[in-house]
């Protein structure tokens, strides 16, 4: 079961990358990054959602669901809860203080 969810998760990751790269920017101009062109909304004009934006939304939801499922599965496993839990600590190595040397005459 975990292999199926992991495979779906990886495929959704690649799908999100491809879909986001296919979308065109709303305002590709440099002045738009600094509030130019008198836009009334925060992220540009909001029109009807295209097929790519709907696919992005649904794939993002699926990505979040598979991420949560994988994290819950991993937390329920009986392994160590911390990366450093199984590591034995080494005692600190200290050198004995040396007697100050007296200059020879």
N, C-alpha and C. Protein backbone atom coordinates (compact mmCIF):
# COMPACT_ATOMS: atom_id res chain seq x y z
N UNK A 1 0.82 -1.20 0.00
CA UNK A 1 0.00 0.00 0.00
C UNK A 1 0.86 1.26 0.00
N UNK A 2 1.94 1.23 0.80
CA UNK A 2 2.79 2.41 0.88
C UNK A 2 3.50 2.67 -0.45
N UNK A 3 3.80 1.59 -1.19
CA UNK A 3 4.46 1.77 -2.48
C UNK A 3 3.53 2.42 -3.50
N UNK A 4 2.26 2.11 -3.43
CA UNK A 4 1.28 2.72 -4.33
C UNK A 4 1.16 4.21 -4.03
N UNK A 5 1.07 4.56 -2.76
CA UNK A 5 0.92 5.98 -2.39
C UNK A 5 2.19 6.75 -2.75
N UNK A 6 3.35 6.15 -2.54
CA UNK A 6 4.61 6.81 -2.90
C UNK A 6 4.71 7.02 -4.41
N UNK A 7 4.30 6.03 -5.17
CA UNK A 7 4.33 6.15 -6.63
C UNK A 7 3.37 7.25 -7.10
N UNK A 8 2.17 7.28 -6.54
CA UNK A 8 1.22 8.35 -6.88
C UNK A 8 1.79 9.71 -6.50
N UNK A 9 2.44 9.79 -5.35
CA UNK A 9 3.03 11.05 -4.89
C UNK A 9 4.10 11.55 -5.85
N UNK A 10 4.97 10.67 -6.29
CA UNK A 10 6.03 11.06 -7.23
C UNK A 10 5.45 11.48 -8.57
N UNK A 11 4.45 10.74 -9.05
CA UNK A 11 3.82 11.10 -10.32
C UNK A 11 3.11 12.46 -10.23
N UNK A 12 2.46 12.72 -9.11
CA UNK A 12 1.80 14.01 -8.92
C UNK A 12 2.84 15.14 -8.87
N UNK A 13 3.98 14.87 -8.26
CA UNK A 13 5.06 15.88 -8.22
C UNK A 13 5.49 16.26 -9.63
N UNK A 14 5.74 15.26 -10.46
CA UNK A 14 6.14 15.55 -11.84
C UNK A 14 5.02 16.26 -12.61
N UNK A 15 3.77 15.87 -12.36
CA UNK A 15 2.64 16.48 -13.03
C UNK A 15 2.51 17.95 -12.65
N UNK A 16 2.71 18.27 -11.38
CA UNK A 16 2.64 19.67 -10.93
C UNK A 16 3.74 20.50 -11.59
N UNK A 17 4.93 19.94 -11.67
CA UNK A 17 6.04 20.66 -12.30
C UNK A 17 5.72 20.97 -13.75
N UNK A 18 5.22 19.98 -14.48
CA UNK A 18 4.91 20.18 -15.90
C UNK A 18 3.78 21.19 -16.07
N UNK A 19 2.73 21.09 -15.26
CA UNK A 19 1.59 22.00 -15.42
C UNK A 19 1.97 23.43 -15.08
N UNK A 20 2.76 23.62 -14.04
CA UNK A 20 3.16 24.98 -13.67
C UNK A 20 4.05 25.58 -14.75
N UNK A 21 4.92 24.78 -15.33
CA UNK A 21 5.78 25.30 -16.39
C UNK A 21 5.00 25.61 -17.67
N UNK A 22 3.89 24.93 -17.90
CA UNK A 22 3.09 25.19 -19.10
C UNK A 22 2.26 26.46 -18.99
N UNK A 23 1.97 26.91 -17.78
CA UNK A 23 1.11 28.08 -17.61
C UNK A 23 1.86 29.36 -17.97
N UNK A 24 1.13 30.28 -18.52
CA UNK A 24 1.75 31.57 -18.85
C UNK A 24 1.58 32.50 -17.65
N UNK A 25 2.50 33.42 -17.50
CA UNK A 25 2.44 34.37 -16.40
C UNK A 25 1.35 35.40 -16.63
N UNK A 26 0.82 35.96 -15.54
CA UNK A 26 -0.24 36.96 -15.69
C UNK A 26 0.33 38.30 -16.12
N UNK A 27 1.43 38.69 -15.53
CA UNK A 27 2.09 39.95 -15.89
C UNK A 27 3.58 39.71 -15.85
N UNK A 28 4.15 39.40 -16.99
CA UNK A 28 5.55 39.05 -17.03
C UNK A 28 6.48 40.25 -16.99
N UNK A 29 5.94 41.44 -16.94
CA UNK A 29 6.74 42.65 -16.94
C UNK A 29 7.40 42.87 -15.59
N UNK A 30 8.57 43.48 -15.57
CA UNK A 30 9.27 43.73 -14.32
C UNK A 30 8.53 44.76 -13.46
N UNK A 31 7.87 45.69 -14.09
CA UNK A 31 7.15 46.70 -13.31
C UNK A 31 5.96 46.11 -12.57
N UNK A 32 5.43 45.00 -13.04
CA UNK A 32 4.31 44.36 -12.37
C UNK A 32 4.75 43.76 -11.03
N UNK A 33 6.02 43.42 -10.93
CA UNK A 33 6.51 42.86 -9.67
C UNK A 33 6.54 43.91 -8.57
N UNK A 34 6.62 45.18 -8.95
CA UNK A 34 6.68 46.26 -7.97
C UNK A 34 5.39 47.07 -7.92
N UNK A 35 4.28 46.48 -8.34
CA UNK A 35 2.99 47.14 -8.23
C UNK A 35 2.65 48.04 -9.39
N UNK A 36 3.26 47.85 -10.50
CA UNK A 36 2.98 48.69 -11.65
C UNK A 36 1.73 48.28 -12.37
N UNK A 37 1.39 48.98 -13.42
CA UNK A 37 0.28 48.76 -14.34
C UNK A 37 -1.08 48.96 -13.68
N UNK A 38 -1.15 49.54 -12.51
CA UNK A 38 -2.42 49.92 -11.90
C UNK A 38 -3.38 48.77 -11.66
N UNK A 39 -2.89 47.64 -11.31
CA UNK A 39 -3.75 46.49 -11.08
C UNK A 39 -4.57 46.70 -9.82
N UNK A 40 -5.85 46.36 -9.88
CA UNK A 40 -6.75 46.54 -8.75
C UNK A 40 -6.69 45.37 -7.77
N UNK A 41 -6.32 44.21 -8.24
CA UNK A 41 -6.28 43.03 -7.38
C UNK A 41 -4.85 42.69 -7.02
N UNK A 42 -4.69 41.84 -6.05
CA UNK A 42 -3.36 41.52 -5.56
C UNK A 42 -2.56 40.66 -6.54
N UNK A 43 -3.22 39.74 -7.22
CA UNK A 43 -2.49 38.81 -8.09
C UNK A 43 -2.95 38.90 -9.54
N UNK A 44 -3.35 40.06 -9.96
CA UNK A 44 -3.77 40.25 -11.34
C UNK A 44 -5.27 40.04 -11.49
N UNK A 45 -5.78 40.31 -12.65
CA UNK A 45 -7.22 40.16 -12.87
C UNK A 45 -7.63 38.69 -12.79
N UNK A 46 -8.76 38.44 -12.16
CA UNK A 46 -9.22 37.07 -11.97
C UNK A 46 -10.31 36.77 -12.99
N UNK A 47 -9.99 35.95 -13.96
CA UNK A 47 -10.97 35.56 -14.95
C UNK A 47 -11.46 34.16 -14.67
N UNK A 48 -12.09 33.58 -15.66
CA UNK A 48 -12.55 32.21 -15.52
C UNK A 48 -11.32 31.30 -15.44
N UNK A 49 -11.40 30.29 -14.59
CA UNK A 49 -10.27 29.38 -14.40
C UNK A 49 -10.10 28.52 -15.65
N UNK A 50 -8.89 28.47 -16.14
CA UNK A 50 -8.62 27.66 -17.32
C UNK A 50 -8.44 26.20 -16.91
N UNK A 51 -8.30 25.35 -17.90
CA UNK A 51 -8.12 23.93 -17.62
C UNK A 51 -6.81 23.68 -16.89
N UNK A 52 -5.77 24.46 -17.22
CA UNK A 52 -4.48 24.28 -16.54
C UNK A 52 -4.56 24.70 -15.08
N UNK A 53 -5.28 25.75 -14.78
CA UNK A 53 -5.38 26.18 -13.38
C UNK A 53 -6.21 25.20 -12.57
N UNK A 54 -7.24 24.63 -13.17
CA UNK A 54 -8.02 23.60 -12.47
C UNK A 54 -7.18 22.35 -12.23
N UNK A 55 -6.39 21.97 -13.23
CA UNK A 55 -5.52 20.81 -13.07
C UNK A 55 -4.46 21.07 -11.99
N UNK A 56 -3.97 22.30 -11.92
CA UNK A 56 -3.01 22.66 -10.89
C UNK A 56 -3.63 22.56 -9.51
N UNK A 57 -4.86 23.04 -9.38
CA UNK A 57 -5.54 22.99 -8.09
C UNK A 57 -5.77 21.55 -7.64
N UNK A 58 -6.28 20.72 -8.52
CA UNK A 58 -6.56 19.33 -8.14
C UNK A 58 -5.30 18.54 -7.88
N UNK A 59 -4.24 18.80 -8.65
CA UNK A 59 -3.00 18.08 -8.40
C UNK A 59 -2.35 18.56 -7.10
N UNK A 60 -2.52 19.83 -6.74
CA UNK A 60 -1.99 20.33 -5.47
C UNK A 60 -2.74 19.70 -4.30
N UNK A 61 -4.06 19.54 -4.45
CA UNK A 61 -4.84 18.87 -3.40
C UNK A 61 -4.40 17.43 -3.25
N UNK A 62 -4.21 16.74 -4.37
CA UNK A 62 -3.75 15.35 -4.33
C UNK A 62 -2.35 15.25 -3.74
N UNK A 63 -1.49 16.22 -4.05
CA UNK A 63 -0.14 16.25 -3.48
C UNK A 63 -0.20 16.39 -1.96
N UNK A 64 -1.05 17.28 -1.48
CA UNK A 64 -1.17 17.47 -0.02
C UNK A 64 -1.73 16.22 0.66
N UNK A 65 -2.72 15.58 0.04
CA UNK A 65 -3.29 14.38 0.64
C UNK A 65 -2.27 13.23 0.70
N UNK A 66 -1.51 13.05 -0.37
CA UNK A 66 -0.51 11.99 -0.34
C UNK A 66 0.62 12.33 0.62
N UNK A 67 0.97 13.60 0.75
CA UNK A 67 2.00 14.00 1.70
C UNK A 67 1.56 13.72 3.13
N UNK A 68 0.32 14.07 3.45
CA UNK A 68 -0.20 13.83 4.80
C UNK A 68 -0.29 12.33 5.07
N UNK A 69 -0.74 11.57 4.07
CA UNK A 69 -0.85 10.13 4.24
C UNK A 69 0.51 9.50 4.49
N UNK A 70 1.51 9.92 3.75
CA UNK A 70 2.86 9.37 3.93
C UNK A 70 3.44 9.76 5.28
N UNK A 71 3.19 10.98 5.74
CA UNK A 71 3.73 11.39 7.03
C UNK A 71 3.03 10.68 8.18
N UNK A 72 1.72 10.47 8.07
CA UNK A 72 1.00 9.73 9.12
C UNK A 72 1.47 8.28 9.15
N UNK A 73 1.67 7.69 8.00
CA UNK A 73 2.16 6.31 7.96
C UNK A 73 3.54 6.21 8.60
N UNK A 74 4.40 7.16 8.29
CA UNK A 74 5.76 7.13 8.85
C UNK A 74 5.75 7.35 10.35
N UNK A 75 4.88 8.19 10.86
CA UNK A 75 4.83 8.45 12.30
C UNK A 75 4.26 7.26 13.07
N UNK A 76 3.45 6.42 12.42
CA UNK A 76 2.87 5.27 13.08
C UNK A 76 3.78 4.05 13.07
N UNK A 77 4.85 4.10 12.31
CA UNK A 77 5.78 2.97 12.29
C UNK A 77 6.53 2.90 13.60
N UNK A 78 7.01 1.73 13.95
CA UNK A 78 7.63 1.53 15.25
C UNK A 78 9.10 1.89 15.33
N UNK A 79 9.65 2.53 14.34
CA UNK A 79 11.07 2.85 14.33
C UNK A 79 11.40 3.99 15.28
N UNK A 80 12.67 4.39 15.29
CA UNK A 80 13.08 5.50 16.16
C UNK A 80 12.37 6.79 15.76
N UNK A 81 12.07 7.60 16.74
CA UNK A 81 11.35 8.85 16.50
C UNK A 81 12.29 10.00 16.13
N UNK A 82 13.57 9.81 16.36
CA UNK A 82 14.53 10.85 16.06
C UNK A 82 15.68 10.26 15.26
N UNK A 83 16.30 11.07 14.47
CA UNK A 83 17.44 10.62 13.69
C UNK A 83 18.60 10.26 14.62
N UNK A 84 18.74 11.00 15.71
CA UNK A 84 19.86 10.80 16.63
C UNK A 84 19.53 9.87 17.79
N UNK A 85 18.37 9.24 17.78
CA UNK A 85 17.96 8.41 18.91
C UNK A 85 18.84 7.17 19.06
N UNK A 86 19.28 6.57 17.99
CA UNK A 86 20.07 5.36 18.08
C UNK A 86 21.57 5.62 18.18
N UNK A 87 22.00 6.85 18.15
CA UNK A 87 23.43 7.18 18.18
C UNK A 87 23.89 7.27 19.64
N UNK A 88 24.97 6.54 19.93
CA UNK A 88 25.53 6.62 21.29
C UNK A 88 26.45 7.83 21.36
N UNK A 89 26.31 8.59 22.43
CA UNK A 89 27.12 9.80 22.55
C UNK A 89 28.51 9.43 23.05
N UNK A 90 29.49 10.10 22.54
CA UNK A 90 30.88 9.91 22.92
C UNK A 90 31.21 10.88 24.05
N UNK A 91 31.96 10.41 25.06
CA UNK A 91 32.36 11.36 26.10
C UNK A 91 33.31 12.41 25.52
N UNK A 92 33.23 13.57 26.06
CA UNK A 92 34.08 14.66 25.59
C UNK A 92 35.53 14.35 25.91
N UNK A 93 36.37 14.51 24.92
CA UNK A 93 37.79 14.25 25.11
C UNK A 93 38.46 15.52 25.64
N UNK A 94 39.00 15.41 26.83
CA UNK A 94 39.70 16.55 27.41
C UNK A 94 41.13 16.13 27.69
N UNK A 95 42.02 17.05 27.54
CA UNK A 95 43.43 16.78 27.82
C UNK A 95 43.73 17.28 29.22
N UNK A 96 44.56 16.53 29.95
CA UNK A 96 44.92 17.01 31.28
C UNK A 96 45.74 18.30 31.16
N UNK A 97 45.57 19.18 32.12
CA UNK A 97 46.32 20.44 32.04
C UNK A 97 47.82 20.16 32.18
N UNK A 98 48.59 20.86 31.40
CA UNK A 98 50.03 20.70 31.45
C UNK A 98 50.62 21.76 32.38
N UNK A 99 51.69 21.35 33.04
CA UNK A 99 52.35 22.29 33.95
C UNK A 99 53.06 23.34 33.12
N UNK A 100 53.00 24.59 33.53
CA UNK A 100 53.69 25.64 32.75
C UNK A 100 55.19 25.38 32.78
N UNK A 101 55.76 25.50 31.64
CA UNK A 101 57.21 25.26 31.55
C UNK A 101 57.97 26.52 32.02
N UNK A 102 59.01 26.25 32.75
CA UNK A 102 59.84 27.36 33.22
C UNK A 102 60.97 27.54 32.23
N UNK A 103 61.31 28.74 31.93
CA UNK A 103 62.39 28.98 30.95
C UNK A 103 63.73 28.52 31.52
N UNK A 104 64.51 27.89 30.73
CA UNK A 104 65.86 27.41 31.11
C UNK A 104 66.85 28.56 30.96
N UNK A 105 67.80 28.64 31.93
CA UNK A 105 68.79 29.70 31.90
C UNK A 105 70.10 29.21 31.41
